[in-house]
Amino acid sequence: MSGRGKGKTSGTKCPVYLAAVLEYLAAEVLELAGNAARDNKKTRIVPRHIQLAVRNDEELSKLLAGVTIAEGGVLPNIQSVLLPKKSAKAE
């Protein structure tokens, strides 16, 4: 059992880099969620605003595709077939 516990060690800069990446992601999500809250005329960010922010951003949505946000709800989506047809004549 001499080889046990002798794996590759990460460098000394790895934790610093990881912290910077996590800080950037948190700032990005909070900025977008704050914008969503402001759009809804609210002053407090709730999980619904985080859900809207993440799912409306293409890259964050791809990154967090398998993540369920509790109390986040779903994105509003109406199929184009169900929308009323615009008439050619405007009276």
C-alpha atoms as a PDB file:
ATOM      1  CA  MET A   1       0.000   0.000   0.000  1.00  0.00           C
ATOM      2  CA  SER A   2       2.907   2.345  -0.567  1.00  0.00           C
ATOM      3  CA  GLY A   3       1.257   4.112  -3.558  1.00  0.00           C
ATOM      4  CA  ARG A   4      -1.894   5.051  -1.690  1.00  0.00           C
ATOM      5  CA  GLY A   5      -2.457   8.768  -1.135  1.00  0.00           C
ATOM      6  CA  LYS A   6       0.334   9.791  -3.488  1.00  0.00           C
ATOM      7  CA  GLY A   7      -1.759  11.473  -6.200  1.00  0.00           C
ATOM      8  CA  LYS A   8      -0.964  14.663  -8.040  1.00  0.00           C
ATOM      9  CA  THR A   9      -1.110  17.754  -5.900  1.00  0.00           C
ATOM     10  CA  SER A  10      -2.646  20.959  -7.128  1.00  0.00           C
ATOM     11  CA  GLY A  11      -0.498  24.049  -7.295  1.00  0.00           C
ATOM     12  CA  THR A  12      -0.532  26.811  -4.748  1.00  0.00           C
ATOM     13  CA  LYS A  13      -2.363  29.107  -7.177  1.00  0.00           C
ATOM     14  CA  CYS A  14      -5.268  26.720  -7.690  1.00  0.00           C
ATOM     15  CA  PRO A  15      -7.351  27.847  -4.666  1.00  0.00           C
ATOM     16  CA  VAL A  16      -6.832  31.501  -5.594  1.00  0.00           C
ATOM     17  CA  TYR A  17      -7.938  30.870  -9.179  1.00  0.00           C
ATOM     18  CA  LEU A  18     -10.958  28.855  -8.022  1.00  0.00           C
ATOM     19  CA  ALA A  19     -11.976  31.625  -5.615  1.00  0.00           C
ATOM     20  CA  ALA A  20     -11.700  34.205  -8.408  1.00  0.00           C
ATOM     21  CA  VAL A  21     -13.863  32.114 -10.746  1.00  0.00           C
ATOM     22  CA  LEU A  22     -16.522  31.592  -8.068  1.00  0.00           C
ATOM     23  CA  GLU A  23     -16.501  35.295  -7.206  1.00  0.00           C
ATOM     24  CA  TYR A  24     -16.965  36.197 -10.876  1.00  0.00           C
ATOM     25  CA  LEU A  25     -19.861  33.749 -11.305  1.00  0.00           C
ATOM     26  CA  ALA A  26     -21.560  35.003  -8.140  1.00  0.00           C
ATOM     27  CA  ALA A  27     -21.188  38.632  -9.244  1.00  0.00           C
ATOM     28  CA  GLU A  28     -22.572  37.825 -12.704  1.00  0.00           C
ATOM     29  CA  VAL A  29     -25.617  36.000 -11.324  1.00  0.00           C
ATOM     30  CA  LEU A  30     -26.296  38.704  -8.731  1.00  0.00           C
ATOM     31  CA  GLU A  31     -26.043  41.475 -11.310  1.00  0.00           C
ATOM     32  CA  LEU A  32     -28.481  39.749 -13.667  1.00  0.00           C
ATOM     33  CA  ALA A  33     -30.825  38.848 -10.800  1.00  0.00           C
ATOM     34  CA  GLY A  34     -30.737  42.457  -9.585  1.00  0.00           C
ATOM     35  CA  ASN A  35     -31.700  43.615 -13.066  1.00  0.00           C
ATOM     36  CA  ALA A  36     -34.571  41.109 -13.103  1.00  0.00           C
ATOM     37  CA  ALA A  37     -35.751  42.346  -9.694  1.00  0.00           C
ATOM     38  CA  ARG A  38     -35.586  45.962 -10.856  1.00  0.00           C
ATOM     39  CA  ASP A  39     -37.548  45.069 -14.008  1.00  0.00           C
ATOM     40  CA  ASN A  40     -40.270  43.662 -11.730  1.00  0.00           C
ATOM     41  CA  LYS A  41     -40.174  46.824  -9.576  1.00  0.00           C
ATOM     42  CA  LYS A  42     -38.855  44.936  -6.533  1.00  0.00           C
ATOM     43  CA  THR A  43     -36.026  45.899  -4.201  1.00  0.00           C
ATOM     44  CA  ARG A  44     -35.216  42.405  -2.931  1.00  0.00           C
ATOM     45  CA  ILE A  45     -33.837  39.523  -4.987  1.00  0.00           C
ATOM     46  CA  VAL A  46     -35.886  36.342  -4.591  1.00  0.00           C
ATOM     47  CA  PRO A  47     -35.243  32.902  -6.138  1.00  0.00           C
ATOM     48  CA  ARG A  48     -37.613  33.753  -8.989  1.00  0.00           C
ATOM     49  CA  HIS A  49     -35.316  36.591 -10.064  1.00  0.00           C
ATOM     50  CA  ILE A  50     -32.297  34.279  -9.974  1.00  0.00           C
ATOM     51  CA  GLN A  51     -34.175  31.737 -12.100  1.00  0.00           C
ATOM     52  CA  LEU A  52     -35.148  34.382 -14.660  1.00  0.00           C
ATOM     53  CA  ALA A  53     -31.602  35.746 -14.763  1.00  0.00           C
ATOM     54  CA  VAL A  54     -29.957  32.358 -15.230  1.00  0.00           C
ATOM     55  CA  ARG A  55     -32.414  30.985 -17.791  1.00  0.00           C
ATOM     56  CA  ASN A  56     -32.424  34.162 -19.907  1.00  0.00           C
ATOM     57  CA  ASP A  57     -28.617  34.179 -20.150  1.00  0.00           C
ATOM     58  CA  GLU A  58     -27.419  31.656 -22.731  1.00  0.00           C
ATOM     59  CA  GLU A  59     -24.066  30.830 -21.126  1.00  0.00           C
ATOM     60  CA  LEU A  60     -25.350  30.608 -17.545  1.00  0.00           C
ATOM     61  CA  SER A  61     -28.297  28.518 -18.692  1.00  0.00           C
ATOM     62  CA  LYS A  62     -25.909  26.102 -20.374  1.00  0.00           C
ATOM     63  CA  LEU A  63     -23.651  25.968 -17.296  1.00  0.00           C
ATOM     64  CA  LEU A  64     -26.561  25.415 -14.896  1.00  0.00           C
ATOM     65  CA  ALA A  65     -28.672  23.226 -17.200  1.00  0.00           C
ATOM     66  CA  GLY A  66     -29.097  20.440 -14.648  1.00  0.00           C
ATOM     67  CA  VAL A  67     -29.668  22.731 -11.660  1.00  0.00           C
ATOM     68  CA  THR A  68     -33.075  23.197 -10.066  1.00  0.00           C
ATOM     69  CA  ILE A  69     -33.560  26.491  -8.239  1.00  0.00           C
ATOM     70  CA  ALA A  70     -36.019  26.038  -5.375  1.00  0.00           C
ATOM     71  CA  GLU A  71     -39.033  28.376  -5.617  1.00  0.00           C
ATOM     72  CA  GLY A  72     -37.717  29.567  -8.984  1.00  0.00           C
ATOM     73  CA  GLY A  73     -40.729  28.711 -11.113  1.00  0.00           C
ATOM     74  CA  VAL A  74     -40.516  28.353 -14.876  1.00  0.00           C
ATOM     75  CA  LEU A  75     -39.897  30.745 -17.738  1.00  0.00           C
ATOM     76  CA  PRO A  76     -43.037  32.160 -19.306  1.00  0.00           C
ATOM     77  CA  ASN A  77     -43.422  30.693 -22.778  1.00  0.00           C
ATOM     78  CA  ILE A  78     -46.404  30.798 -25.141  1.00  0.00           C
ATOM     79  CA  GLN A  79     -46.270  28.745 -28.315  1.00  0.00           C
ATOM     80  CA  SER A  80     -46.505  30.946 -31.401  1.00  0.00           C
ATOM     81  CA  VAL A  81     -49.386  28.818 -32.715  1.00  0.00           C
ATOM     82  CA  LEU A  82     -51.512  29.832 -29.722  1.00  0.00           C
ATOM     83  CA  LEU A  83     -50.979  33.568 -30.159  1.00  0.00           C
ATOM     84  CA  PRO A  84     -53.756  35.539 -31.883  1.00  0.00           C
ATOM     85  CA  LYS A  85     -53.190  36.126 -35.563  1.00  0.00           C
ATOM     86  CA  LYS A  86     -52.627  39.675 -36.731  1.00  0.00           C
ATOM     87  CA  SER A  87     -55.153  40.747 -39.324  1.00  0.00           C
ATOM     88  CA  ALA A  88     -53.972  42.196 -42.614  1.00  0.00           C
ATOM     89  CA  LYS A  89     -56.401  45.113 -42.319  1.00  0.00           C
ATOM     90  CA  ALA A  90     -55.873  47.568 -39.507  1.00  0.00           C
ATOM     91  CA  GLU A  91     -59.164  49.314 -38.900  1.00  0.00           C
END
